[in-house]
């Protein structure tokens, strides 16, 4: 995902950063602490490795997620939220709380 040069509203920018089926879930998992690609894949049911890598790269390009590579064999890489990522995660948390309330009100089951 390429960020646009211009936005008419700050909400558009934030939406572009986290839009998609998997990005909020990835942010949720990384809010628990740094995680390897395999740990994220294991925790996020239904996501393919290709899609996980694509979304992690997009989140990195927005400055929401960073990765740390450790020396040695086998190669170890961990992904983690940046300060910007923690701010965005605050918005995701509010969205989840609203979703829970609506599910309860409308008697929607998981």
N, C-alpha and C. Protein backbone atom coordinates (compact mmCIF):
# COMPACT_ATOMS: atom_id res chain seq x y z
N UNK A 1 0.84 -1.17 0.00
CA UNK A 1 0.00 0.00 0.00
C UNK A 1 0.89 1.23 0.00
N UNK A 2 0.61 2.12 -0.90
CA UNK A 2 1.37 3.35 -0.98
C UNK A 2 0.54 4.47 -0.37
N UNK A 3 1.16 5.23 0.51
CA UNK A 3 0.48 6.38 1.11
C UNK A 3 0.35 7.46 0.05
N UNK A 4 -0.77 8.15 0.09
CA UNK A 4 -0.99 9.22 -0.88
C UNK A 4 -0.18 10.45 -0.52
N UNK A 5 0.00 11.30 -1.49
CA UNK A 5 0.71 12.57 -1.27
C UNK A 5 -0.17 13.58 -0.53
N UNK A 6 -1.48 13.52 -0.82
CA UNK A 6 -2.41 14.48 -0.22
C UNK A 6 -3.61 13.77 0.38
N UNK A 7 -4.08 14.33 1.47
CA UNK A 7 -5.30 13.85 2.13
C UNK A 7 -6.19 15.04 2.39
N UNK A 8 -7.49 14.86 2.23
CA UNK A 8 -8.43 15.94 2.50
C UNK A 8 -8.85 15.94 3.96
N UNK A 9 -8.56 14.85 4.68
CA UNK A 9 -8.99 14.72 6.06
C UNK A 9 -8.01 13.82 6.80
N UNK A 10 -7.66 14.14 8.04
CA UNK A 10 -6.75 13.28 8.80
C UNK A 10 -7.30 11.87 9.00
N UNK A 11 -8.62 11.73 9.04
CA UNK A 11 -9.22 10.41 9.20
C UNK A 11 -8.90 9.51 8.01
N UNK A 12 -8.83 10.08 6.82
CA UNK A 12 -8.45 9.30 5.63
C UNK A 12 -7.07 8.68 5.81
N UNK A 13 -6.14 9.48 6.33
CA UNK A 13 -4.77 9.02 6.54
C UNK A 13 -4.76 7.85 7.53
N UNK A 14 -5.42 8.02 8.66
CA UNK A 14 -5.45 6.97 9.67
C UNK A 14 -6.12 5.72 9.12
N UNK A 15 -7.21 5.90 8.40
CA UNK A 15 -7.91 4.77 7.81
C UNK A 15 -7.01 4.01 6.84
N UNK A 16 -6.30 4.73 6.00
CA UNK A 16 -5.39 4.08 5.04
C UNK A 16 -4.32 3.25 5.76
N UNK A 17 -3.89 3.71 6.93
CA UNK A 17 -2.84 3.01 7.66
C UNK A 17 -3.32 1.67 8.20
N UNK A 18 -4.59 1.57 8.62
CA UNK A 18 -5.05 0.35 9.29
C UNK A 18 -6.16 -0.39 8.55
N UNK A 19 -6.50 0.06 7.34
CA UNK A 19 -7.60 -0.60 6.65
C UNK A 19 -7.21 -2.02 6.22
N UNK A 20 -8.20 -2.85 6.16
CA UNK A 20 -7.99 -4.23 5.76
C UNK A 20 -8.45 -5.18 6.84
N UNK A 21 -8.65 -6.40 6.45
CA UNK A 21 -9.16 -7.43 7.35
C UNK A 21 -8.17 -7.76 8.47
N UNK A 22 -6.89 -7.76 8.17
CA UNK A 22 -5.92 -8.31 9.10
C UNK A 22 -5.14 -7.29 9.92
N UNK A 23 -5.02 -6.07 9.45
CA UNK A 23 -4.15 -5.11 10.15
C UNK A 23 -4.56 -4.86 11.60
N UNK A 24 -5.86 -4.65 11.89
CA UNK A 24 -6.22 -4.47 13.30
C UNK A 24 -5.88 -5.70 14.16
N UNK A 25 -6.02 -6.88 13.59
CA UNK A 25 -5.70 -8.12 14.32
C UNK A 25 -4.19 -8.21 14.57
N UNK A 26 -3.41 -7.84 13.57
CA UNK A 26 -1.95 -7.83 13.73
C UNK A 26 -1.56 -6.84 14.82
N UNK A 27 -2.14 -5.65 14.78
CA UNK A 27 -1.86 -4.65 15.82
C UNK A 27 -2.23 -5.19 17.20
N UNK A 28 -3.36 -5.88 17.28
CA UNK A 28 -3.80 -6.45 18.56
C UNK A 28 -2.76 -7.44 19.08
N UNK A 29 -2.28 -8.30 18.21
CA UNK A 29 -1.28 -9.28 18.63
C UNK A 29 0.03 -8.61 19.06
N UNK A 30 0.45 -7.60 18.31
CA UNK A 30 1.71 -6.92 18.64
C UNK A 30 1.58 -6.05 19.88
N UNK A 31 0.36 -5.69 20.25
CA UNK A 31 0.16 -4.90 21.48
C UNK A 31 0.55 -5.73 22.71
N UNK A 32 0.57 -7.05 22.57
CA UNK A 32 0.95 -7.94 23.67
C UNK A 32 2.46 -8.00 23.85
N UNK A 33 3.20 -7.51 22.84
CA UNK A 33 4.65 -7.53 22.90
C UNK A 33 5.23 -7.96 21.57
N UNK A 34 6.56 -7.86 21.43
CA UNK A 34 7.20 -8.26 20.18
C UNK A 34 6.90 -9.72 19.85
N UNK A 35 6.82 -10.00 18.55
CA UNK A 35 6.51 -11.36 18.11
C UNK A 35 7.20 -11.67 16.80
N UNK A 36 7.57 -12.92 16.65
CA UNK A 36 8.17 -13.39 15.40
C UNK A 36 7.07 -13.61 14.37
N UNK A 37 7.47 -13.75 13.14
CA UNK A 37 6.52 -14.02 12.07
C UNK A 37 5.76 -15.32 12.34
N UNK A 38 6.47 -16.35 12.76
CA UNK A 38 5.81 -17.63 13.01
C UNK A 38 4.84 -17.54 14.18
N UNK A 39 5.17 -16.77 15.21
CA UNK A 39 4.26 -16.61 16.35
C UNK A 39 3.00 -15.86 15.92
N UNK A 40 3.15 -14.84 15.09
CA UNK A 40 1.99 -14.10 14.60
C UNK A 40 1.11 -15.00 13.74
N UNK A 41 1.74 -15.76 12.86
CA UNK A 41 0.99 -16.68 11.98
C UNK A 41 0.20 -17.68 12.81
N UNK A 42 0.80 -18.17 13.87
CA UNK A 42 0.16 -19.15 14.75
C UNK A 42 -1.03 -18.54 15.50
N UNK A 43 -0.90 -17.29 15.91
CA UNK A 43 -1.93 -16.63 16.71
C UNK A 43 -3.10 -16.08 15.89
N UNK A 44 -2.85 -15.81 14.61
CA UNK A 44 -3.89 -15.20 13.77
C UNK A 44 -4.47 -16.28 12.85
N UNK A 45 -5.55 -16.86 13.28
CA UNK A 45 -6.17 -17.96 12.54
C UNK A 45 -6.66 -17.48 11.18
N UNK A 46 -6.28 -18.23 10.14
CA UNK A 46 -6.79 -17.96 8.80
C UNK A 46 -5.93 -17.06 7.93
N UNK A 47 -4.90 -16.45 8.48
CA UNK A 47 -4.07 -15.56 7.67
C UNK A 47 -2.96 -16.38 7.01
N UNK A 48 -2.70 -16.10 5.74
CA UNK A 48 -1.61 -16.77 5.04
C UNK A 48 -0.31 -16.03 5.35
N UNK A 49 0.81 -16.73 5.20
CA UNK A 49 2.09 -16.09 5.46
C UNK A 49 2.32 -14.93 4.49
N UNK A 50 1.90 -15.10 3.24
CA UNK A 50 2.05 -14.05 2.24
C UNK A 50 1.28 -12.78 2.67
N UNK A 51 0.04 -12.97 3.12
CA UNK A 51 -0.78 -11.82 3.53
C UNK A 51 -0.21 -11.18 4.79
N UNK A 52 0.26 -12.01 5.73
CA UNK A 52 0.86 -11.48 6.95
C UNK A 52 2.08 -10.63 6.62
N UNK A 53 2.95 -11.12 5.77
CA UNK A 53 4.13 -10.36 5.38
C UNK A 53 3.76 -9.06 4.66
N UNK A 54 2.77 -9.13 3.79
CA UNK A 54 2.33 -7.94 3.06
C UNK A 54 1.84 -6.87 4.04
N UNK A 55 0.99 -7.28 4.97
CA UNK A 55 0.45 -6.31 5.92
C UNK A 55 1.52 -5.79 6.88
N UNK A 56 2.43 -6.64 7.30
CA UNK A 56 3.53 -6.17 8.15
C UNK A 56 4.38 -5.15 7.41
N UNK A 57 4.66 -5.40 6.14
CA UNK A 57 5.44 -4.45 5.34
C UNK A 57 4.71 -3.12 5.19
N UNK A 58 3.39 -3.18 4.99
CA UNK A 58 2.60 -1.94 4.87
C UNK A 58 2.60 -1.19 6.20
N UNK A 59 2.45 -1.90 7.30
CA UNK A 59 2.47 -1.25 8.61
C UNK A 59 3.84 -0.66 8.91
N UNK A 60 4.89 -1.32 8.43
CA UNK A 60 6.24 -0.78 8.58
C UNK A 60 6.40 0.50 7.76
N UNK A 61 5.89 0.50 6.54
CA UNK A 61 6.05 1.67 5.68
C UNK A 61 5.31 2.89 6.23
N UNK A 62 4.30 2.66 7.06
CA UNK A 62 3.54 3.75 7.70
C UNK A 62 4.17 4.16 9.03
N UNK A 63 5.18 3.44 9.47
CA UNK A 63 5.82 3.77 10.74
C UNK A 63 5.06 3.27 11.96
N UNK A 64 4.20 2.28 11.76
CA UNK A 64 3.37 1.74 12.85
C UNK A 64 4.05 0.53 13.49
N UNK A 65 4.77 -0.22 12.69
CA UNK A 65 5.46 -1.44 13.13
C UNK A 65 6.92 -1.35 12.68
N UNK A 66 7.80 -1.88 13.51
CA UNK A 66 9.20 -2.03 13.12
C UNK A 66 9.60 -3.48 13.37
N UNK A 67 10.72 -3.86 12.77
CA UNK A 67 11.23 -5.20 13.03
C UNK A 67 12.69 -5.11 13.45
N UNK A 68 13.03 -6.07 14.30
CA UNK A 68 14.41 -6.16 14.77
C UNK A 68 14.93 -7.52 14.34
N UNK A 69 16.10 -7.51 13.70
CA UNK A 69 16.73 -8.75 13.25
C UNK A 69 17.89 -9.06 14.19
N UNK A 70 17.90 -10.29 14.67
CA UNK A 70 18.94 -10.75 15.58
C UNK A 70 19.97 -11.56 14.80
N UNK A 71 21.24 -11.39 15.16
CA UNK A 71 22.30 -12.13 14.49
C UNK A 71 22.28 -13.59 14.93
N UNK A 72 22.84 -14.41 14.10
CA UNK A 72 22.96 -15.81 14.45
C UNK A 72 22.17 -16.70 13.51
N UNK A 73 22.26 -17.98 13.81
CA UNK A 73 21.56 -18.96 13.01
C UNK A 73 20.75 -19.83 13.94
N UNK A 74 19.51 -20.05 13.71
CA UNK A 74 18.74 -19.52 12.58
C UNK A 74 18.44 -18.04 12.77
N UNK A 75 18.18 -17.39 11.66
CA UNK A 75 17.86 -15.97 11.67
C UNK A 75 16.60 -15.75 12.50
N UNK A 76 16.63 -14.75 13.36
CA UNK A 76 15.46 -14.44 14.18
C UNK A 76 15.05 -13.00 13.94
N UNK A 77 13.77 -12.80 13.67
CA UNK A 77 13.22 -11.46 13.43
C UNK A 77 12.01 -11.29 14.33
N UNK A 78 11.93 -10.15 15.00
CA UNK A 78 10.75 -9.84 15.81
C UNK A 78 10.14 -8.53 15.33
N UNK A 79 8.82 -8.50 15.31
CA UNK A 79 8.08 -7.31 14.95
C UNK A 79 7.52 -6.70 16.23
N UNK A 80 7.44 -5.36 16.26
CA UNK A 80 6.91 -4.68 17.44
C UNK A 80 6.26 -3.36 17.04
N UNK A 81 5.39 -2.88 17.92
CA UNK A 81 4.73 -1.59 17.68
C UNK A 81 5.67 -0.45 17.99
N UNK A 82 5.64 0.57 17.16
CA UNK A 82 6.36 1.81 17.41
C UNK A 82 5.49 2.70 18.31
N UNK A 83 6.00 3.84 18.77
CA UNK A 83 5.12 4.76 19.51
C UNK A 83 3.87 5.14 18.68
N UNK A 84 4.06 5.34 17.39
CA UNK A 84 2.91 5.63 16.52
C UNK A 84 1.96 4.43 16.51
N UNK A 85 2.51 3.23 16.49
CA UNK A 85 1.70 2.02 16.51
C UNK A 85 0.87 1.91 17.78
N UNK A 86 1.45 2.30 18.91
CA UNK A 86 0.70 2.26 20.17
C UNK A 86 -0.46 3.26 20.14
N UNK A 87 -0.25 4.42 19.52
CA UNK A 87 -1.33 5.40 19.38
C UNK A 87 -2.45 4.85 18.51
N UNK A 88 -2.08 4.28 17.37
CA UNK A 88 -3.07 3.69 16.46
C UNK A 88 -3.80 2.56 17.17
N UNK A 89 -3.08 1.78 17.97
CA UNK A 89 -3.71 0.68 18.68
C UNK A 89 -4.78 1.20 19.64
N UNK A 90 -4.58 2.39 20.20
CA UNK A 90 -5.61 2.99 21.04
C UNK A 90 -6.92 3.15 20.29
N UNK A 91 -6.84 3.54 19.03
CA UNK A 91 -8.04 3.68 18.21
C UNK A 91 -8.68 2.32 17.93
N UNK A 92 -7.85 1.32 17.69
CA UNK A 92 -8.36 -0.03 17.44
C UNK A 92 -9.08 -0.55 18.69
N UNK A 93 -8.54 -0.26 19.85
CA UNK A 93 -9.17 -0.68 21.11
C UNK A 93 -10.55 -0.06 21.26
N UNK A 94 -10.68 1.21 20.95
CA UNK A 94 -11.99 1.87 21.02
C UNK A 94 -12.94 1.24 20.03
N UNK A 95 -12.48 0.93 18.83
CA UNK A 95 -13.32 0.29 17.82
C UNK A 95 -13.81 -1.07 18.33
N UNK A 96 -12.94 -1.81 19.01
CA UNK A 96 -13.34 -3.11 19.53
C UNK A 96 -14.39 -2.94 20.62
N UNK A 97 -14.21 -1.98 21.51
CA UNK A 97 -15.17 -1.74 22.59
C UNK A 97 -16.55 -1.39 22.02
N UNK A 98 -16.57 -0.55 21.01
CA UNK A 98 -17.84 -0.19 20.36
C UNK A 98 -18.47 -1.43 19.72
N UNK A 99 -17.65 -2.24 19.06
CA UNK A 99 -18.15 -3.47 18.44
C UNK A 99 -18.75 -4.42 19.46
N UNK A 100 -18.11 -4.56 20.61
CA UNK A 100 -18.65 -5.42 21.67
C UNK A 100 -20.01 -4.91 22.14
N UNK A 101 -20.11 -3.60 22.35
CA UNK A 101 -21.39 -3.01 22.78
C UNK A 101 -22.49 -3.27 21.75
N UNK A 102 -22.17 -3.07 20.48
CA UNK A 102 -23.17 -3.27 19.43
C UNK A 102 -23.58 -4.74 19.36
N UNK A 103 -22.61 -5.64 19.48
CA UNK A 103 -22.93 -7.08 19.47
C UNK A 103 -23.87 -7.44 20.61
N UNK A 104 -23.62 -6.87 21.78
CA UNK A 104 -24.49 -7.15 22.93
C UNK A 104 -25.88 -6.57 22.71
N UNK A 105 -25.95 -5.34 22.24
CA UNK A 105 -27.23 -4.68 22.01
C UNK A 105 -28.07 -5.42 20.98
N UNK A 106 -27.42 -5.86 19.91
CA UNK A 106 -28.11 -6.53 18.81
C UNK A 106 -28.14 -8.05 18.96
N UNK A 107 -27.62 -8.52 20.10
CA UNK A 107 -27.59 -9.96 20.40
C UNK A 107 -26.91 -10.77 19.29
N UNK A 108 -25.79 -10.28 18.85
CA UNK A 108 -24.98 -10.96 17.82
C UNK A 108 -23.96 -11.82 18.55
N UNK A 109 -23.84 -13.07 18.15
CA UNK A 109 -22.85 -13.96 18.78
C UNK A 109 -21.60 -14.02 17.93
N UNK A 110 -20.52 -14.38 18.58
CA UNK A 110 -19.23 -14.50 17.89
C UNK A 110 -19.24 -15.65 16.94
